[in-house]
Protein backbone atom coordinates (compact mmCIF):
# COMPACT_ATOMS: atom_id res chain seq x y z
CA MET A 1 -29.61 38.18 -6.39
CA GLU A 2 -31.84 35.00 -4.28
CA ILE A 3 -30.47 31.47 -4.10
CA ILE A 4 -31.45 28.64 -2.48
CA TRP A 5 -29.69 26.13 -0.90
CA TYR A 6 -31.14 22.26 -0.51
CA HIS A 7 -29.37 19.29 0.61
CA PRO A 8 -31.14 16.46 2.58
CA SER A 9 -28.23 15.62 5.20
CA GLN A 10 -25.16 18.03 4.55
CA ASP A 11 -24.56 20.74 7.48
CA ALA A 12 -25.86 23.99 5.46
CA GLY A 13 -24.16 26.52 7.69
CA VAL A 14 -20.56 25.62 5.33
CA TRP A 15 -22.25 25.94 2.19
CA LEU A 16 -24.20 29.22 3.07
CA GLU A 17 -21.13 30.71 4.90
CA GLY A 18 -18.88 30.08 1.53
CA MET A 19 -21.35 30.97 -1.17
CA GLN A 20 -22.02 34.15 0.50
CA ARG A 21 -18.26 34.97 0.87
CA ARG A 22 -18.07 33.82 -2.55
CA LEU A 23 -21.30 35.83 -4.06
CA PRO A 24 -21.31 39.07 -1.66
CA GLN A 25 -23.57 40.53 -3.95
CA ALA A 26 -26.24 37.74 -3.41
CA ARG A 27 -28.74 36.54 -0.49
CA VAL A 28 -28.26 32.77 0.07
CA ARG A 29 -30.24 30.78 2.05
CA HIS A 30 -30.82 27.05 3.32
CA TRP A 31 -34.70 25.85 1.76
CA GLN A 32 -37.04 24.52 4.14
CA PRO A 33 -40.85 23.45 3.69
CA GLY A 34 -42.75 25.98 2.84
CA ASP A 35 -40.62 28.32 1.42
CA GLU A 36 -41.58 30.18 -1.64
CA ALA A 37 -40.40 32.76 -1.31
CA ALA A 38 -38.50 34.04 -4.85
CA ALA A 39 -35.18 32.67 -6.05
CA ASP A 40 -33.01 32.99 -8.89
CA TYR A 41 -30.91 29.82 -8.65
CA ALA A 42 -31.66 26.43 -6.32
CA ILE A 43 -27.94 24.60 -5.35
CA VAL A 44 -29.52 21.16 -4.47
CA ARG A 45 -29.19 17.27 -3.92
CA LYS A 46 -32.25 15.12 -4.23
CA PRO A 47 -34.34 18.47 -4.26
CA PRO A 48 -38.03 17.63 -3.36
CA ARG A 49 -40.74 18.38 -5.99
CA GLU A 50 -42.15 21.73 -3.86
CA LEU A 51 -38.36 23.37 -3.98
CA LEU A 52 -38.68 23.92 -7.53
CA ALA A 53 -42.03 23.81 -8.73
CA GLY A 54 -43.71 26.98 -9.53
CA ARG A 55 -40.52 29.23 -8.98
CA PRO A 56 -41.02 31.10 -12.34
CA GLY A 57 -37.76 33.57 -11.73
CA LEU A 58 -35.91 30.33 -11.47
CA ARG A 59 -32.51 30.75 -14.20
CA GLY A 60 -30.08 27.30 -12.82
CA VAL A 61 -30.55 24.83 -11.01
CA PHE A 62 -27.08 23.36 -9.99
CA ALA A 63 -26.32 19.58 -8.34
CA MET A 64 -23.83 19.19 -5.70
CA GLY A 65 -22.45 16.81 -7.57
CA ALA A 66 -21.78 14.79 -10.81
CA GLY A 67 -24.52 13.21 -11.19
CA VAL A 68 -27.91 14.38 -12.02
CA ASP A 69 -30.55 11.12 -12.01
CA ASP A 70 -32.15 11.99 -8.30
CA ILE A 71 -32.59 15.14 -10.33
CA LEU A 72 -34.11 13.68 -13.47
CA ALA A 73 -35.88 11.07 -12.31
CA GLN A 74 -38.23 13.42 -10.21
CA LEU A 75 -38.28 15.34 -13.60
CA ALA A 76 -39.49 11.78 -15.21
CA ARG A 77 -42.14 11.80 -11.81
CA TYR A 78 -43.33 15.44 -12.15
CA PRO A 79 -42.50 16.74 -15.50
CA ASP A 80 -43.84 20.14 -14.26
CA MET A 81 -41.20 20.36 -11.33
CA LEU A 82 -38.59 22.56 -13.38
CA SER A 83 -39.40 24.15 -17.24
CA PRO A 84 -37.05 23.19 -19.91
CA SER A 85 -35.99 26.35 -20.54
CA VAL A 86 -33.63 26.41 -16.77
CA PRO A 87 -30.62 25.62 -17.55
CA LEU A 88 -29.25 21.99 -14.91
CA VAL A 89 -25.93 22.07 -14.17
CA ARG A 90 -23.94 19.82 -12.75
CA LEU A 91 -20.13 19.77 -11.07
CA GLU A 92 -17.74 18.60 -13.69
CA ASP A 93 -14.44 17.86 -11.43
CA THR A 94 -13.77 19.51 -8.69
CA GLY A 95 -11.33 17.50 -6.61
CA MET A 96 -12.95 14.31 -7.89
CA GLY A 97 -10.21 13.33 -11.09
CA ARG A 98 -7.79 13.02 -8.58
CA GLN A 99 -10.18 10.59 -6.24
CA MET A 100 -11.16 8.40 -9.06
CA GLN A 101 -7.50 8.05 -10.41
CA GLU A 102 -6.65 7.01 -7.06
CA TYR A 103 -8.96 4.78 -6.50
CA ALA A 104 -8.87 2.66 -10.47
CA VAL A 105 -5.23 2.91 -9.97
CA TYR A 106 -5.14 1.14 -6.63
CA CYS A 107 -7.53 -1.38 -7.96
CA VAL A 108 -6.51 -1.92 -11.20
CA LEU A 109 -2.13 -2.13 -9.77
CA GLY A 110 -3.59 -4.45 -7.07
CA TRP A 111 -5.01 -6.70 -9.28
CA TYR A 112 -2.28 -6.89 -11.39
CA ARG A 113 0.14 -7.40 -9.00
CA ARG A 114 -2.56 -10.55 -7.39
CA PHE A 115 -2.72 -9.30 -4.10
CA ASP A 116 -6.06 -10.14 -3.87
CA ASP A 117 -4.87 -13.94 -4.37
CA TYR A 118 -2.18 -13.12 -1.97
CA ARG A 119 -4.75 -12.01 0.88
CA GLN A 120 -7.19 -15.93 -0.10
CA LEU A 121 -3.04 -17.12 0.91
CA GLN A 122 -2.52 -15.30 3.60
CA GLN A 123 -5.93 -16.86 5.48
CA GLN A 124 -4.47 -20.79 4.52
CA ALA A 125 -1.45 -19.33 6.07
CA GLN A 126 0.02 -20.32 2.98
CA TRP A 127 3.73 -19.05 1.18
CA GLN A 128 3.12 -19.49 -2.34
CA PRO A 129 4.50 -16.70 -5.12
CA LEU A 130 2.56 -16.43 -7.92
CA GLU A 131 2.84 -16.10 -11.52
CA LEU A 132 2.00 -12.03 -13.03
CA ALA A 133 1.01 -11.65 -16.73
CA ALA A 134 2.72 -9.56 -18.72
CA TYR A 135 1.72 -5.84 -18.79
CA GLU A 136 1.03 -6.08 -22.37
CA ALA A 137 -1.82 -8.83 -21.91
CA PHE A 138 -3.52 -6.93 -19.00
CA THR A 139 -5.95 -4.77 -20.90
CA VAL A 140 -7.83 -2.12 -18.59
CA GLY A 141 -11.47 -1.17 -20.70
CA VAL A 142 -12.64 2.37 -19.05
CA MET A 143 -16.51 2.65 -19.87
CA GLY A 144 -17.45 6.50 -19.88
CA ALA A 145 -15.35 9.49 -21.55
CA GLY A 146 -16.37 12.23 -19.47
CA VAL A 147 -13.92 14.63 -17.27
CA LEU A 148 -13.86 11.66 -14.99
CA GLY A 149 -12.94 8.86 -17.48
CA MET A 150 -10.43 10.43 -19.36
CA SER A 151 -8.93 11.30 -15.66
CA VAL A 152 -8.80 7.73 -15.12
CA ILE A 153 -7.25 6.52 -18.33
CA HIS A 154 -5.02 9.22 -18.09
CA ALA A 155 -3.47 8.16 -14.79
CA LEU A 156 -3.39 4.43 -15.60
CA LYS A 157 -1.26 5.66 -19.04
CA PRO A 158 2.23 5.49 -17.24
CA TRP A 159 1.71 1.64 -15.95
CA GLY A 160 1.76 0.51 -19.38
CA PHE A 161 -1.36 -1.66 -19.68
CA PRO A 162 -2.94 -1.54 -23.14
CA LEU A 163 -5.78 1.09 -22.42
CA ARG A 164 -9.05 1.11 -24.44
CA VAL A 165 -12.13 3.12 -24.35
CA TRP A 166 -16.13 2.70 -24.46
CA SER A 167 -18.45 5.42 -24.96
CA ARG A 168 -21.08 6.92 -26.72
CA SER A 169 -19.42 8.55 -30.02
CA PRO A 170 -15.89 7.69 -31.21
CA LYS A 171 -12.68 9.26 -28.87
CA GLN A 172 -9.16 10.11 -30.41
CA ILE A 173 -7.17 9.26 -27.14
CA ALA A 174 -3.36 8.83 -28.03
CA GLY A 175 -2.63 5.63 -26.79
CA VAL A 176 -6.10 4.23 -26.67
CA THR A 177 -8.55 1.83 -28.71
CA SER A 178 -11.51 3.37 -28.64
CA PHE A 179 -15.25 1.79 -28.90
CA ALA A 180 -18.44 3.72 -29.82
CA GLY A 181 -22.10 2.91 -29.35
CA ARG A 182 -24.40 -0.60 -27.69
CA GLU A 183 -22.97 -2.41 -31.51
CA ALA A 184 -19.27 -2.27 -30.28
CA LEU A 185 -19.51 -3.22 -26.60
CA ASP A 186 -19.04 -6.84 -27.05
CA ALA A 187 -16.08 -5.87 -28.98
CA PHE A 188 -14.73 -3.76 -25.58
CA LEU A 189 -15.53 -6.37 -23.77
CA HIS A 190 -14.21 -9.34 -25.07
CA GLY A 191 -10.04 -9.32 -23.55
CA THR A 192 -10.51 -6.82 -21.11
CA GLN A 193 -9.08 -7.69 -18.02
CA VAL A 194 -10.07 -5.40 -15.71
CA VAL A 195 -13.42 -3.01 -16.65
CA ILE A 196 -13.88 0.29 -14.77
CA ASN A 197 -17.28 1.81 -14.97
CA LEU A 198 -18.19 5.80 -15.02
CA LEU A 199 -20.65 5.75 -17.05
CA PRO A 200 -23.29 7.87 -17.00
CA SER A 201 -26.43 7.00 -15.71
CA THR A 202 -29.55 7.04 -18.12
CA PRO A 203 -32.11 4.76 -19.09
CA GLU A 204 -29.62 3.08 -21.52
CA THR A 205 -26.83 1.81 -18.58
CA THR A 206 -29.78 0.81 -16.33
CA ASP A 207 -29.13 -3.36 -15.55
CA LEU A 208 -26.02 -2.83 -18.18
CA PHE A 209 -23.98 -4.98 -16.46
CA ASP A 210 -25.87 -7.83 -16.45
CA ALA A 211 -25.42 -11.62 -16.60
CA ARG A 212 -24.88 -11.44 -20.74
CA THR A 213 -22.59 -8.49 -20.22
CA LEU A 214 -20.36 -10.06 -17.51
CA SER A 215 -19.99 -13.20 -19.72
CA GLN A 216 -18.56 -11.28 -22.49
CA LEU A 217 -15.05 -10.42 -20.53
CA PRO A 218 -12.68 -12.96 -19.95
CA GLN A 219 -12.37 -15.56 -17.53
CA GLY A 220 -10.84 -14.64 -14.48
CA ALA A 221 -12.10 -10.70 -15.41
CA CYS A 222 -12.42 -7.87 -12.57
CA LEU A 223 -15.06 -5.16 -12.23
CA LEU A 224 -14.80 -1.55 -10.70
CA ASN A 225 -17.96 0.20 -10.76
CA MET A 226 -17.49 4.30 -9.41
CA ALA A 227 -20.27 5.47 -11.43
CA ARG A 228 -24.44 4.46 -10.24
CA GLY A 229 -25.39 1.37 -8.61
CA THR A 230 -28.20 0.63 -11.06
CA GLN A 231 -25.73 -0.32 -13.73
CA VAL A 232 -25.20 -3.64 -12.13
CA VAL A 233 -27.43 -6.47 -11.71
CA GLU A 234 -25.92 -7.80 -7.99
CA ASP A 235 -27.31 -10.99 -8.91
CA ASP A 236 -25.77 -11.96 -12.19
CA LEU A 237 -22.55 -10.53 -10.48
CA LEU A 238 -22.78 -12.43 -7.57
CA ALA A 239 -23.05 -15.09 -9.86
CA ALA A 240 -20.04 -14.72 -11.96
CA LEU A 241 -17.95 -14.40 -8.91
CA GLU A 242 -18.94 -17.51 -7.84
CA SER A 243 -18.09 -19.17 -11.38
CA GLY A 244 -15.09 -17.94 -11.85
CA GLN A 245 -16.39 -15.46 -14.62
CA LEU A 246 -15.02 -12.76 -12.53
CA ARG A 247 -12.12 -12.71 -10.04
CA ALA A 248 -13.17 -10.02 -8.25
CA ALA A 249 -14.90 -6.82 -7.99
CA ALA A 250 -14.38 -3.66 -6.06
CA LEU A 251 -17.96 -1.64 -6.05
CA ASP A 252 -18.73 1.93 -4.13
CA VAL A 253 -21.87 2.25 -5.41
CA PHE A 254 -25.07 0.07 -4.82
CA GLN A 255 -29.07 -0.76 -5.81
CA GLN A 256 -29.68 0.11 -2.35
CA GLU A 257 -27.11 2.36 -0.20
CA PRO A 258 -26.34 2.08 1.95
CA LEU A 259 -26.02 -1.60 1.54
CA PRO A 260 -28.13 -3.77 4.02
CA PRO A 261 -26.08 -5.61 6.48
CA HIS A 262 -27.37 -8.82 5.30
CA HIS A 263 -26.09 -8.50 1.41
CA PRO A 264 -23.87 -11.10 0.53
CA LEU A 265 -21.65 -8.70 -1.22
CA TRP A 266 -20.89 -7.49 2.12
CA ARG A 267 -19.25 -10.49 2.83
CA HIS A 268 -18.18 -12.10 -0.08
CA PRO A 269 -14.51 -12.78 -0.29
CA ARG A 270 -13.85 -10.93 -3.83
CA VAL A 271 -15.72 -7.72 -3.31
CA THR A 272 -14.05 -5.26 -1.85
CA VAL A 273 -17.16 -2.99 -0.45
CA THR A 274 -17.14 1.00 0.10
CA PRO A 275 -19.63 3.54 0.96
CA HIS A 276 -19.55 5.97 -2.03
CA ILE A 277 -16.52 7.53 -1.83
CA ALA A 278 -14.93 7.19 -4.03
CA ALA A 279 -14.75 11.04 -5.08
CA LEU A 280 -16.80 12.71 -2.18
CA THR A 281 -17.39 16.48 -3.69
CA ARG A 282 -14.87 18.98 -2.04
CA VAL A 283 -16.94 21.52 -0.79
CA ASP A 284 -14.62 24.71 -1.07
CA GLU A 285 -13.81 23.44 -4.68
CA ALA A 286 -17.51 22.83 -5.29
CA ILE A 287 -18.74 26.06 -3.99
CA GLU A 288 -15.75 28.15 -6.36
CA ALA A 289 -17.02 25.61 -9.68
CA ILE A 290 -20.87 27.02 -8.78
CA ALA A 291 -19.73 30.22 -8.03
CA ARG A 292 -18.79 30.82 -11.54
CA ALA A 293 -21.26 28.94 -13.09
CA ILE A 294 -23.75 31.21 -11.54
CA GLU A 295 -21.41 34.48 -12.75
CA ALA A 296 -21.79 33.30 -16.53
CA CYS A 297 -25.47 32.60 -16.28
CA GLU A 298 -25.60 36.49 -14.69
CA ALA A 299 -23.37 37.32 -17.82
CA GLY A 300 -25.72 35.53 -20.01
CA ARG A 301 -23.48 32.94 -20.87
CA GLN A 302 -23.83 28.85 -20.75
CA PRO A 303 -22.11 27.93 -17.59
CA SER A 304 -19.78 24.48 -17.99
CA GLY A 305 -21.62 21.08 -16.88
CA CYS A 306 -24.83 21.83 -18.82
CA VAL A 307 -26.62 19.22 -18.88
CA ASP A 308 -28.41 17.53 -21.68
CA ARG A 309 -31.55 16.35 -19.88
CA LEU A 310 -32.22 13.87 -22.90
CA ARG A 311 -28.89 11.88 -22.68
CA GLY A 312 -28.98 12.38 -19.03
CA TYR A 313 -25.79 14.17 -18.71
């Protein structure tokens, strides 16, 4: 079994050693430009066209993350890059769910307890206790009901906030109000005090959070984006913050990454910026998940995490 591995910035050694240990019957190599030797499987992040094109023996491509928009973007440019018959598989959790839970709970509780407002008062040396909303008046909405979205919903349940979810199709989740489809988006947004974006990156979700969408939220709502920066129109977000339509935003992803040093989001007093770390890939867990998926392919089974290329996830 021949496996090629490629990541534009990560250390190959850890991955190659780990995959070789987990799949001792395989030969795992770091793909370099000019390598046209046979490969049965590819483990990749932002693969160049020449890595995948012209490999008739390829039986599976595995993304080193939960998102595959980088690969799908390449396929849109180069349709011959990967045969439709080759499974494209993404990581479903591998420790990312726990990290998303931590980030979401931190933000929701901070906004509920108004710690962001207290930070503003601290800058002005003002000693001023602030009134809290009732738990039942602080509705939290999660956009996206995949593995990570469901993980965040379950982490928020014990805190007693009204919870709602918006997804492509209706969901049956105890204690959570479900909204489905574009026609239900406004109803989902109305009354949602905190919206958490965990949607997959697709043409339908690109620029979803524009001026119109943000205007459907109640005055003073908060936005947490842990999905993709392409889903938020940043100028519209800044305008909503300036007008008070949004009270605060926590952003882990951006239209351009790294976020340029001069970008106004860095210095906005109501914005928290983190460098795409909401859920980091844990190498050992990712290796185990990919190895299991390869074993499933070898046994003639469909691995968990197969991507529907038309949907984008």
